[in-house]
Amino acid sequence: MLRAMVFLAKGDIERFKQVIELGRTDYRDVLWQAEYECGEEQLYDFNKTFHELKLMGK
């Protein structure tokens, strides 16, 4: 869950706070937005680390 929240915030503290509130309402919305990016096909699986998903530089 935390990885999905960090990913959605994209470094913006205010957005991170909004995502936390969204997670308090329904954590599935956070996971759906992060993993599917509002589409039908799953792009990410945040059960994996950022390194495993190749979202981090070396």
Protein backbone atom coordinates (compact mmCIF):
# COMPACT_ATOMS: atom_id res chain seq x y z
CA MET A 1 0.00 0.00 0.00
CA LEU A 2 2.75 2.43 0.93
CA ARG A 3 4.59 1.85 -2.36
CA ALA A 4 1.38 2.59 -4.27
CA MET A 5 0.87 5.80 -2.27
CA VAL A 6 4.43 6.99 -2.84
CA PHE A 7 4.13 6.19 -6.54
CA LEU A 8 0.89 8.15 -6.91
CA ALA A 9 2.24 11.17 -5.03
CA LYS A 10 5.20 11.50 -7.43
CA GLY A 11 7.17 13.50 -4.87
CA ASP A 12 4.38 15.97 -4.05
CA ILE A 13 3.72 16.11 -0.29
CA GLU A 14 0.23 17.60 -0.70
CA ARG A 15 -0.69 14.87 -3.19
CA PHE A 16 0.72 12.28 -0.76
CA LYS A 17 -1.63 13.61 1.95
CA GLN A 18 -4.56 13.34 -0.48
CA VAL A 19 -3.61 9.77 -1.33
CA ILE A 20 -3.42 8.88 2.37
CA GLU A 21 -6.96 10.21 2.85
CA LEU A 22 -8.14 8.23 -0.17
CA GLY A 23 -6.55 5.13 1.37
CA ARG A 24 -8.44 5.70 4.60
CA THR A 25 -11.69 5.78 2.65
CA ASP A 26 -11.01 2.76 0.45
CA TYR A 27 -7.51 1.33 0.00
CA ARG A 28 -8.63 -0.43 -3.20
CA ASP A 29 -8.97 2.93 -4.94
CA VAL A 30 -5.31 3.68 -4.19
CA LEU A 31 -4.15 0.32 -5.49
CA TRP A 32 -6.31 0.55 -8.60
CA GLN A 33 -5.08 4.04 -9.49
CA ALA A 34 -1.44 3.10 -8.95
CA GLU A 35 -1.41 -0.35 -10.53
CA TYR A 36 -3.79 0.22 -13.39
CA GLU A 37 -3.37 3.98 -13.93
CA CYS A 38 -7.11 4.22 -14.68
CA GLY A 39 -7.02 1.61 -17.44
CA GLU A 40 -8.08 -1.97 -17.93
CA GLU A 41 -4.61 -3.54 -18.04
CA GLN A 42 -2.53 -3.90 -14.88
CA LEU A 43 0.76 -2.03 -15.39
CA TYR A 44 2.33 -2.53 -11.95
CA ASP A 45 2.10 -4.90 -9.01
CA PHE A 46 3.02 -3.03 -5.85
CA ASN A 47 3.47 -6.28 -3.97
CA LYS A 48 6.89 -6.02 -5.66
CA THR A 49 9.56 -3.47 -4.77
CA PHE A 50 10.31 -0.38 -6.85
CA HIS A 51 13.54 -2.09 -7.94
CA GLU A 52 11.68 -5.20 -9.07
CA LEU A 53 9.27 -3.00 -11.01
CA LYS A 54 12.22 -1.09 -12.51
CA LEU A 55 10.88 2.21 -11.17
CA MET A 56 14.17 3.11 -9.45
CA GLY A 57 17.44 4.10 -11.03
CA LYS A 58 20.63 2.26 -10.24
